[in-house]
């Protein structure tokens, strides 16, 4: 983040039971808040550490974001506003009345300042700009060299500058970014293990059902085999009894025949 006198650059399921409507709403709200926290974390990290252009001010797709610190540009820009600038590639395109952000020296410190152009002077090979705050009675004591200009203001968002200022503090980053991001990953880690456990339970249940089906098939096959064995044994016993009965009847008939022949010989 680059600071200035007036501008600061802000660098489910439960064991087979469906979720209730309240649970679904709560889950959606948590997801939205955590996604917003992630976006803010990425935005602040990008602005603070990654996208620093050649003028020393972070930019995103040619846009620069400034957190207004003082009321020198009131009411055009108020303290706590988020000023939006575009990168100035050609200072010659700037006109009187444009609001620009530039490097200057205030109280012996090199800082960024955001003021309105009062006059433009031709220095030969470069341009010199005279600036003034809308809430100041006179022009700034130091003029601005064209090489010191970093952006031209194109808009503002009220109050957002304070939010980004707070995010730049260690407490704000911890409370608004680190903790929600941690909760986001913790929440989804718990969801992942819940789904994993449910999947494992379903897998074990299917395996149990499959094994039980195999066991039932084996028992049915064994019972069928036992029934076939009993039927074969009964048929064998019946056949044996039939053969024994036939043999006994044959013996009786043979004995009766021999007895009749003996009686005939005795009578003759």
C-alpha atoms as a PDB file:
ATOM      1  CA  UNK A   1       0.000   0.000   0.000  1.00  0.00           C
ATOM      2  CA  UNK A   2       1.160   3.526  -0.819  1.00  0.00           C
ATOM      3  CA  UNK A   3      -0.074   6.269   1.512  1.00  0.00           C
ATOM      4  CA  UNK A   4      -0.416   9.986   0.881  1.00  0.00           C
ATOM      5  CA  UNK A   5      -1.691  13.095   2.586  1.00  0.00           C
ATOM      6  CA  UNK A   6      -5.069  12.672   0.887  1.00  0.00           C
ATOM      7  CA  UNK A   7      -4.844   9.237  -0.692  1.00  0.00           C
ATOM      8  CA  UNK A   8      -3.839   5.797   0.426  1.00  0.00           C
ATOM      9  CA  UNK A   9      -3.433   2.949  -2.050  1.00  0.00           C
ATOM     10  CA  UNK A  10      -5.105  -0.211  -0.556  1.00  0.00           C
ATOM     11  CA  UNK A  11      -2.864  -2.910  -1.247  1.00  0.00           C
ATOM     12  CA  UNK A  12     -25.053 -32.441   3.115  1.00  0.00           C
ATOM     13  CA  UNK A  13     -26.574 -35.271   4.453  1.00  0.00           C
ATOM     14  CA  UNK A  14     -26.913 -36.784   8.029  1.00  0.00           C
ATOM     15  CA  UNK A  15     -27.019 -40.578   7.967  1.00  0.00           C
ATOM     16  CA  UNK A  16     -29.703 -40.760   5.315  1.00  0.00           C
ATOM     17  CA  UNK A  17     -31.673 -37.699   6.549  1.00  0.00           C
ATOM     18  CA  UNK A  18     -31.974 -34.767   4.102  1.00  0.00           C
ATOM     19  CA  UNK A  19     -30.958 -31.273   5.213  1.00  0.00           C
ATOM     20  CA  UNK A  20     -33.699 -28.999   6.478  1.00  0.00           C
ATOM     21  CA  UNK A  21     -34.449 -25.682   4.780  1.00  0.00           C
ATOM     22  CA  UNK A  22     -32.768 -23.776   7.624  1.00  0.00           C
ATOM     23  CA  UNK A  23     -29.627 -25.908   7.300  1.00  0.00           C
ATOM     24  CA  UNK A  24     -29.498 -25.287   3.552  1.00  0.00           C
ATOM     25  CA  UNK A  25     -29.869 -21.512   4.042  1.00  0.00           C
ATOM     26  CA  UNK A  26     -27.198 -21.455   6.763  1.00  0.00           C
ATOM     27  CA  UNK A  27     -24.828 -23.475   4.581  1.00  0.00           C
ATOM     28  CA  UNK A  28     -25.387 -21.111   1.628  1.00  0.00           C
ATOM     29  CA  UNK A  29     -24.786 -18.024   3.800  1.00  0.00           C
ATOM     30  CA  UNK A  30     -21.571 -19.495   5.213  1.00  0.00           C
ATOM     31  CA  UNK A  31     -20.329 -20.341   1.720  1.00  0.00           C
ATOM     32  CA  UNK A  32     -21.064 -16.834   0.416  1.00  0.00           C
ATOM     33  CA  UNK A  33     -19.312 -15.143   3.351  1.00  0.00           C
ATOM     34  CA  UNK A  34     -16.275 -17.369   3.081  1.00  0.00           C
ATOM     35  CA  UNK A  35     -16.027 -16.864  -0.675  1.00  0.00           C
ATOM     36  CA  UNK A  36     -16.178 -13.080  -0.132  1.00  0.00           C
ATOM     37  CA  UNK A  37     -13.381 -13.409   2.429  1.00  0.00           C
ATOM     38  CA  UNK A  38     -11.308 -15.390  -0.051  1.00  0.00           C
ATOM     39  CA  UNK A  39     -11.858 -12.773  -2.759  1.00  0.00           C
ATOM     40  CA  UNK A  40     -10.848  -9.988  -0.366  1.00  0.00           C
ATOM     41  CA  UNK A  41      -7.784 -11.956   0.675  1.00  0.00           C
ATOM     42  CA  UNK A  42      -6.753 -12.448  -2.945  1.00  0.00           C
ATOM     43  CA  UNK A  43      -7.453  -8.771  -3.734  1.00  0.00           C
ATOM     44  CA  UNK A  44      -5.412  -7.436  -0.805  1.00  0.00           C
ATOM     45  CA  UNK A  45      -2.567  -9.853  -1.421  1.00  0.00           C
ATOM     46  CA  UNK A  46      -2.478  -8.976  -5.114  1.00  0.00           C
ATOM     47  CA  UNK A  47      -2.515  -5.237  -4.497  1.00  0.00           C
ATOM     48  CA  UNK A  48      -0.002  -5.333  -1.642  1.00  0.00           C
ATOM     49  CA  UNK A  49       2.571  -7.759  -2.963  1.00  0.00           C
ATOM     50  CA  UNK A  50       2.118  -8.531  -6.639  1.00  0.00           C
ATOM     51  CA  UNK A  51       0.876  -5.849  -8.998  1.00  0.00           C
ATOM     52  CA  UNK A  52       3.250  -2.936  -8.451  1.00  0.00           C
ATOM     53  CA  UNK A  53       3.676  -0.919 -11.639  1.00  0.00           C
ATOM     54  CA  UNK A  54       6.675   1.184 -12.629  1.00  0.00           C
ATOM     55  CA  UNK A  55       5.325   4.284 -10.834  1.00  0.00           C
ATOM     56  CA  UNK A  56       5.392   2.484  -7.485  1.00  0.00           C
ATOM     57  CA  UNK A  57       1.610   2.178  -7.215  1.00  0.00           C
ATOM     58  CA  UNK A  58      -0.187  -1.190  -7.437  1.00  0.00           C
ATOM     59  CA  UNK A  59      -2.679  -1.462 -10.291  1.00  0.00           C
ATOM     60  CA  UNK A  60      -5.164  -4.016 -11.582  1.00  0.00           C
ATOM     61  CA  UNK A  61      -5.896  -3.980 -15.316  1.00  0.00           C
ATOM     62  CA  UNK A  62      -4.813  -0.352 -15.487  1.00  0.00           C
ATOM     63  CA  UNK A  63      -6.894   0.722 -12.466  1.00  0.00           C
ATOM     64  CA  UNK A  64      -5.405   2.107  -9.254  1.00  0.00           C
ATOM     65  CA  UNK A  65      -7.263   2.240  -5.942  1.00  0.00           C
ATOM     66  CA  UNK A  66      -6.656   5.012  -3.423  1.00  0.00           C
ATOM     67  CA  UNK A  67      -8.025   5.280   0.099  1.00  0.00           C
ATOM     68  CA  UNK A  68      -8.719   8.946   0.824  1.00  0.00           C
ATOM     69  CA  UNK A  69      -7.209  10.079   4.130  1.00  0.00           C
ATOM     70  CA  UNK A  70      -8.010  13.825   4.452  1.00  0.00           C
ATOM     71  CA  UNK A  71     -10.756  16.279   3.476  1.00  0.00           C
ATOM     72  CA  UNK A  72      -8.580  18.450   1.205  1.00  0.00           C
ATOM     73  CA  UNK A  73     -10.723  17.363  -1.783  1.00  0.00           C
ATOM     74  CA  UNK A  74     -14.080  17.598   0.044  1.00  0.00           C
ATOM     75  CA  UNK A  75     -16.800  17.242  -1.180  1.00  0.00           C
ATOM     76  CA  UNK A  76     -15.494  15.608  -4.371  1.00  0.00           C
ATOM     77  CA  UNK A  77     -13.534  13.041  -2.358  1.00  0.00           C
ATOM     78  CA  UNK A  78     -14.258  12.435   1.308  1.00  0.00           C
ATOM     79  CA  UNK A  79     -12.083  10.744   3.951  1.00  0.00           C
ATOM     80  CA  UNK A  80     -12.749   7.000   3.844  1.00  0.00           C
ATOM     81  CA  UNK A  81     -13.729   6.994   0.170  1.00  0.00           C
ATOM     82  CA  UNK A  82     -12.099   4.577  -2.240  1.00  0.00           C
ATOM     83  CA  UNK A  83     -10.849   6.646  -5.162  1.00  0.00           C
ATOM     84  CA  UNK A  84     -10.454   4.869  -8.491  1.00  0.00           C
ATOM     85  CA  UNK A  85      -7.745   6.099 -10.847  1.00  0.00           C
ATOM     86  CA  UNK A  86      -6.646   5.048 -14.304  1.00  0.00           C
ATOM     87  CA  UNK A  87      -2.968   4.897 -15.195  1.00  0.00           C
ATOM     88  CA  UNK A  88      -1.812   8.006 -17.068  1.00  0.00           C
ATOM     89  CA  UNK A  89       0.194   6.932 -20.119  1.00  0.00           C
ATOM     90  CA  UNK A  90       0.300  10.313 -21.856  1.00  0.00           C
ATOM     91  CA  UNK A  91       0.367  13.376 -19.533  1.00  0.00           C
ATOM     92  CA  UNK A  92      -0.341  15.538 -22.602  1.00  0.00           C
ATOM     93  CA  UNK A  93      -3.927  14.244 -22.596  1.00  0.00           C
ATOM     94  CA  UNK A  94      -4.601  15.719 -19.146  1.00  0.00           C
ATOM     95  CA  UNK A  95      -6.685  18.892 -18.970  1.00  0.00           C
ATOM     96  CA  UNK A  96      -7.360  21.645 -16.481  1.00  0.00           C
ATOM     97  CA  UNK A  97      -9.968  20.433 -13.974  1.00  0.00           C
ATOM     98  CA  UNK A  98      -8.844  16.788 -14.017  1.00  0.00           C
ATOM     99  CA  UNK A  99      -8.180  15.204 -10.612  1.00  0.00           C
ATOM    100  CA  UNK A 100      -4.811  13.462 -10.546  1.00  0.00           C
ATOM    101  CA  UNK A 101      -2.764  11.436  -8.088  1.00  0.00           C
ATOM    102  CA  UNK A 102       0.942  12.175  -7.991  1.00  0.00           C
ATOM    103  CA  UNK A 103       4.095  11.872  -5.942  1.00  0.00           C
ATOM    104  CA  UNK A 104       5.009  14.987  -3.912  1.00  0.00           C
ATOM    105  CA  UNK A 105       6.774  16.013  -0.717  1.00  0.00           C
ATOM    106  CA  UNK A 106       4.717  16.977   2.336  1.00  0.00           C
ATOM    107  CA  UNK A 107       6.377  17.757   5.670  1.00  0.00           C
ATOM    108  CA  UNK A 108       9.638  16.354   4.351  1.00  0.00           C
ATOM    109  CA  UNK A 109       8.126  13.006   3.364  1.00  0.00           C
ATOM    110  CA  UNK A 110       7.573  11.688  -0.175  1.00  0.00           C
ATOM    111  CA  UNK A 111       3.912  10.740  -0.370  1.00  0.00           C
ATOM    112  CA  UNK A 112       1.031  10.383  -2.811  1.00  0.00           C
ATOM    113  CA  UNK A 113      -1.408  13.260  -3.117  1.00  0.00           C
ATOM    114  CA  UNK A 114      -4.710  13.578  -4.985  1.00  0.00           C
ATOM    115  CA  UNK A 115      -5.673  17.112  -6.098  1.00  0.00           C
ATOM    116  CA  UNK A 116      -7.246  18.919  -9.046  1.00  0.00           C
ATOM    117  CA  UNK A 117      -5.252  20.490 -11.905  1.00  0.00           C
ATOM    118  CA  UNK A 118      -5.402  24.298 -11.791  1.00  0.00           C
ATOM    119  CA  UNK A 119      -2.942  25.171 -14.541  1.00  0.00           C
ATOM    120  CA  UNK A 120      -0.709  23.351 -17.052  1.00  0.00           C
ATOM    121  CA  UNK A 121       2.659  24.829 -18.047  1.00  0.00           C
ATOM    122  CA  UNK A 122       4.863  23.856 -20.947  1.00  0.00           C
ATOM    123  CA  UNK A 123       8.378  23.193 -19.700  1.00  0.00           C
ATOM    124  CA  UNK A 124       9.746  22.496 -23.146  1.00  0.00           C
ATOM    125  CA  UNK A 125      10.376  18.758 -23.127  1.00  0.00           C
ATOM    126  CA  UNK A 126       7.947  18.115 -20.281  1.00  0.00           C
ATOM    127  CA  UNK A 127       4.777  19.483 -18.681  1.00  0.00           C
ATOM    128  CA  UNK A 128       4.409  21.118 -15.284  1.00  0.00           C
ATOM    129  CA  UNK A 129       1.087  20.964 -13.418  1.00  0.00           C
ATOM    130  CA  UNK A 130      -0.219  23.349 -10.802  1.00  0.00           C
ATOM    131  CA  UNK A 131      -2.666  21.619  -8.440  1.00  0.00           C
ATOM    132  CA  UNK A 132      -5.130  22.565  -5.718  1.00  0.00           C
ATOM    133  CA  UNK A 133      -7.418  20.770  -3.304  1.00  0.00           C
ATOM    134  CA  UNK A 134     -11.135  21.551  -3.728  1.00  0.00           C
ATOM    135  CA  UNK A 135     -11.325  22.350  -0.011  1.00  0.00           C
ATOM    136  CA  UNK A 136      -8.139  24.480  -0.006  1.00  0.00           C
ATOM    137  CA  UNK A 137      -8.140  28.269  -0.401  1.00  0.00           C
ATOM    138  CA  UNK A 138      -4.951  28.365  -2.481  1.00  0.00           C
ATOM    139  CA  UNK A 139      -2.932  26.256  -4.878  1.00  0.00           C
ATOM    140  CA  UNK A 140      -0.353  23.765  -3.653  1.00  0.00           C
ATOM    141  CA  UNK A 141       3.084  25.280  -2.965  1.00  0.00           C
ATOM    142  CA  UNK A 142       4.866  22.679  -5.110  1.00  0.00           C
ATOM    143  CA  UNK A 143       4.140  22.103  -8.772  1.00  0.00           C
ATOM    144  CA  UNK A 144       3.997  18.597 -10.250  1.00  0.00           C
ATOM    145  CA  UNK A 145       6.370  17.259 -12.895  1.00  0.00           C
ATOM    146  CA  UNK A 146       4.647  15.012 -15.473  1.00  0.00           C
ATOM    147  CA  UNK A 147       6.869  12.092 -14.425  1.00  0.00           C
ATOM    148  CA  UNK A 148       5.441  12.287 -10.879  1.00  0.00           C
ATOM    149  CA  UNK A 149       1.859  11.646 -12.023  1.00  0.00           C
ATOM    150  CA  UNK A 150       0.599   8.104 -11.362  1.00  0.00           C
ATOM    151  CA  UNK A 151      -3.109   8.263 -12.155  1.00  0.00           C
ATOM    152  CA  UNK A 152      -6.203  10.213 -13.137  1.00  0.00           C
ATOM    153  CA  UNK A 153      -9.292   9.915 -10.951  1.00  0.00           C
ATOM    154  CA  UNK A 154     -12.362   8.456 -12.665  1.00  0.00           C
ATOM    155  CA  UNK A 155     -14.637   7.629  -9.732  1.00  0.00           C
ATOM    156  CA  UNK A 156     -15.015   6.775  -6.074  1.00  0.00           C
ATOM    157  CA  UNK A 157     -16.825   4.350  -3.765  1.00  0.00           C
ATOM    158  CA  UNK A 158     -17.923   5.842  -0.460  1.00  0.00           C
ATOM    159  CA  UNK A 159     -16.692   4.224   2.766  1.00  0.00           C
ATOM    160  CA  UNK A 160     -14.834   1.318   1.154  1.00  0.00           C
ATOM    161  CA  UNK A 161     -11.483   3.003   1.722  1.00  0.00           C
ATOM    162  CA  UNK A 162     -11.912   2.592   5.488  1.00  0.00           C
ATOM    163  CA  UNK A 163     -12.580  -1.106   5.028  1.00  0.00           C
ATOM    164  CA  UNK A 164      -9.437  -1.610   2.975  1.00  0.00           C
ATOM    165  CA  UNK A 165      -7.445   0.503   5.436  1.00  0.00           C
ATOM    166  CA  UNK A 166      -8.586  -1.823   8.217  1.00  0.00           C
ATOM    167  CA  UNK A 167      -7.664  -4.860   6.130  1.00  0.00           C
ATOM    168  CA  UNK A 168      -4.123  -3.503   5.884  1.00  0.00           C
ATOM    169  CA  UNK A 169      -3.716  -3.767   9.673  1.00  0.00           C
ATOM    170  CA  UNK A 170      -2.591  -7.032  11.242  1.00  0.00           C
ATOM    171  CA  UNK A 171      -5.789  -7.258  13.313  1.00  0.00           C
ATOM    172  CA  UNK A 172      -8.047  -6.547  10.349  1.00  0.00           C
ATOM    173  CA  UNK A 173      -6.271  -9.051   8.124  1.00  0.00           C
ATOM    174  CA  UNK A 174      -6.514 -11.695  10.870  1.00  0.00           C
ATOM    175  CA  UNK A 175     -10.185 -11.070  11.674  1.00  0.00           C
ATOM    176  CA  UNK A 176     -11.534 -10.480   8.174  1.00  0.00           C
ATOM    177  CA  UNK A 177      -9.244 -12.676   6.064  1.00  0.00           C
ATOM    178  CA  UNK A 178      -7.249 -15.311   7.966  1.00  0.00           C
ATOM    179  CA  UNK A 179      -9.973 -16.576  10.302  1.00  0.00           C
ATOM    180  CA  UNK A 180     -12.743 -16.794   7.641  1.00  0.00           C
ATOM    181  CA  UNK A 181     -10.363 -18.515   5.201  1.00  0.00           C
ATOM    182  CA  UNK A 182      -9.375 -20.982   7.930  1.00  0.00           C
ATOM    183  CA  UNK A 183     -13.053 -21.634   8.713  1.00  0.00           C
ATOM    184  CA  UNK A 184     -13.746 -22.052   4.990  1.00  0.00           C
ATOM    185  CA  UNK A 185     -11.160 -24.806   4.607  1.00  0.00           C
ATOM    186  CA  UNK A 186     -12.130 -26.368   7.956  1.00  0.00           C
ATOM    187  CA  UNK A 187     -15.806 -26.435   6.947  1.00  0.00           C
ATOM    188  CA  UNK A 188     -15.087 -28.078   3.611  1.00  0.00           C
ATOM    189  CA  UNK A 189     -12.603 -30.484   5.213  1.00  0.00           C
ATOM    190  CA  UNK A 190     -15.332 -31.632   7.600  1.00  0.00           C
ATOM    191  CA  UNK A 191     -17.758 -31.930   4.673  1.00  0.00           C
ATOM    192  CA  UNK A 192     -15.191 -33.967   2.751  1.00  0.00           C
ATOM    193  CA  UNK A 193     -14.701 -36.448   5.604  1.00  0.00           C
ATOM    194  CA  UNK A 194     -18.455 -36.692   6.150  1.00  0.00           C
ATOM    195  CA  UNK A 195     -18.964 -37.594   2.508  1.00  0.00           C
ATOM    196  CA  UNK A 196     -16.004 -39.988   2.698  1.00  0.00           C
ATOM    197  CA  UNK A 197     -17.419 -41.742   5.771  1.00  0.00           C
ATOM    198  CA  UNK A 198     -20.884 -41.943   4.216  1.00  0.00           C
ATOM    199  CA  UNK A 199     -19.375 -43.406   1.060  1.00  0.00           C
ATOM    200  CA  UNK A 200     -17.448 -45.958   3.127  1.00  0.00           C
ATOM    201  CA  UNK A 201     -20.614 -46.877   5.048  1.00  0.00           C
ATOM    202  CA  UNK A 202     -22.555 -47.365   1.808  1.00  0.00           C
ATOM    203  CA  UNK A 203     -19.676 -49.394   0.370  1.00  0.00           C
ATOM    204  CA  UNK A 204     -19.543 -51.623   3.461  1.00  0.00           C
ATOM    205  CA  UNK A 205     -23.322 -52.019   3.395  1.00  0.00           C
ATOM    206  CA  UNK A 206     -23.262 -53.070  -0.249  1.00  0.00           C
ATOM    207  CA  UNK A 207     -20.419 -55.472   0.461  1.00  0.00           C
ATOM    208  CA  UNK A 208     -22.362 -56.948   3.376  1.00  0.00           C
ATOM    209  CA  UNK A 209     -25.476 -57.340   1.236  1.00  0.00           C
ATOM    210  CA  UNK A 210     -23.420 -58.974  -1.494  1.00  0.00           C
ATOM    211  CA  UNK A 211     -21.788 -61.390   0.918  1.00  0.00           C
ATOM    212  CA  UNK A 212     -25.137 -62.153   2.551  1.00  0.00           C
ATOM    213  CA  UNK A 213     -26.624 -62.835  -0.888  1.00  0.00           C
ATOM    214  CA  UNK A 214     -23.755 -65.200  -1.676  1.00  0.00           C
ATOM    215  CA  UNK A 215     -24.268 -66.967   1.650  1.00  0.00           C
ATOM    216  CA  UNK A 216     -27.990 -67.329   0.995  1.00  0.00           C
ATOM    217  CA  UNK A 217     -27.258 -68.718  -2.468  1.00  0.00           C
ATOM    218  CA  UNK A 218     -24.820 -71.237  -0.976  1.00  0.00           C
ATOM    219  CA  UNK A 219     -27.391 -72.305   1.632  1.00  0.00           C
ATOM    220  CA  UNK A 220     -30.082 -72.687  -1.019  1.00  0.00           C
ATOM    221  CA  UNK A 221     -27.725 -74.711  -3.188  1.00  0.00           C
ATOM    222  CA  UNK A 222     -26.778 -76.906  -0.223  1.00  0.00           C
ATOM    223  CA  UNK A 223     -30.420 -77.462   0.705  1.00  0.00           C
ATOM    224  CA  UNK A 224     -31.198 -78.352  -2.899  1.00  0.00           C
ATOM    225  CA  UNK A 225     -28.271 -80.794  -2.988  1.00  0.00           C
ATOM    226  CA  UNK A 226     -29.402 -82.351   0.282  1.00  0.00           C
ATOM    227  CA  UNK A 227     -32.943 -82.701  -1.098  1.00  0.00           C
ATOM    228  CA  UNK A 228     -31.584 -84.349  -4.246  1.00  0.00           C
ATOM    229  CA  UNK A 229     -29.470 -86.716  -2.133  1.00  0.00           C
ATOM    230  CA  UNK A 230     -32.489 -87.644  -0.002  1.00  0.00           C
ATOM    231  CA  UNK A 231     -34.601 -88.234  -3.096  1.00  0.00           C
ATOM    232  CA  UNK A 232     -31.881 -90.430  -4.618  1.00  0.00           C
ATOM    233  CA  UNK A 233     -31.496 -92.394  -1.360  1.00  0.00           C
ATOM    234  CA  UNK A 234     -35.263 -92.897  -1.078  1.00  0.00           C
ATOM    235  CA  UNK A 235     -35.420 -94.091  -4.690  1.00  0.00           C
ATOM    236  CA  UNK A 236     -32.551 -96.489  -4.009  1.00  0.00           C
ATOM    237  CA  UNK A 237     -34.260 -97.873  -0.895  1.00  0.00           C
ATOM    238  CA  UNK A 238     -37.570 -98.271  -2.726  1.00  0.00           C
ATOM    239  CA  UNK A 239     -35.826-100.098  -5.576  1.00  0.00           C
ATOM    240  CA  UNK A 240     -34.056-102.367  -3.107  1.00  0.00           C
ATOM    241  CA  UNK A 241     -37.308-103.135  -1.263  1.00  0.00           C
ATOM    242  CA  UNK A 242     -39.044-103.851  -4.564  1.00  0.00           C
ATOM    243  CA  UNK A 243     -36.281-106.231  -5.583  1.00  0.00           C
ATOM    244  CA  UNK A 244     -36.412-107.972  -2.177  1.00  0.00           C
ATOM    245  CA  UNK A 245     -40.202-108.292  -2.407  1.00  0.00           C
ATOM    246  CA  UNK A 246     -39.927-109.712  -5.948  1.00  0.00           C
ATOM    247  CA  UNK A 247     -37.291-112.208  -4.778  1.00  0.00           C
ATOM    248  CA  UNK A 248     -39.463-113.274  -1.820  1.00  0.00           C
ATOM    249  CA  UNK A 249     -42.497-113.703  -4.067  1.00  0.00           C
ATOM    250  CA  UNK A 250     -40.424-115.777  -6.505  1.00  0.00           C
ATOM    251  CA  UNK A 251     -39.277-118.037  -3.690  1.00  0.00           C
ATOM    252  CA  UNK A 252     -42.836-118.489  -2.469  1.00  0.00           C
ATOM    253  CA  UNK A 253     -43.998-119.381  -5.944  1.00  0.00           C
ATOM    254  CA  UNK A 254     -41.155-121.866  -6.392  1.00  0.00           C
ATOM    255  CA  UNK A 255     -41.942-123.444  -3.001  1.00  0.00           C
ATOM    256  CA  UNK A 256     -45.645-123.717  -3.869  1.00  0.00           C
ATOM    257  CA  UNK A 257     -44.781-125.340  -7.212  1.00  0.00           C
ATOM    258  CA  UNK A 258     -42.518-127.928  -5.581  1.00  0.00           C
ATOM    259  CA  UNK A 259     -45.172-128.680  -2.940  1.00  0.00           C
ATOM    260  CA  UNK A 260     -47.795-129.360  -5.674  1.00  0.00           C
ATOM    261  CA  UNK A 261     -45.524-131.748  -7.557  1.00  0.00           C
ATOM    262  CA  UNK A 262     -44.869-133.703  -4.341  1.00  0.00           C
ATOM    263  CA  UNK A 263     -48.610-134.149  -3.671  1.00  0.00           C
ATOM    264  CA  UNK A 264     -49.226-135.393  -7.207  1.00  0.00           C
ATOM    265  CA  UNK A 265     -46.516-138.070  -6.874  1.00  0.00           C
ATOM    266  CA  UNK A 266     -47.948-139.259  -3.589  1.00  0.00           C
ATOM    267  CA  UNK A 267     -51.447-139.688  -4.941  1.00  0.00           C
ATOM    268  CA  UNK A 268     -50.244-141.575  -8.004  1.00  0.00           C
END
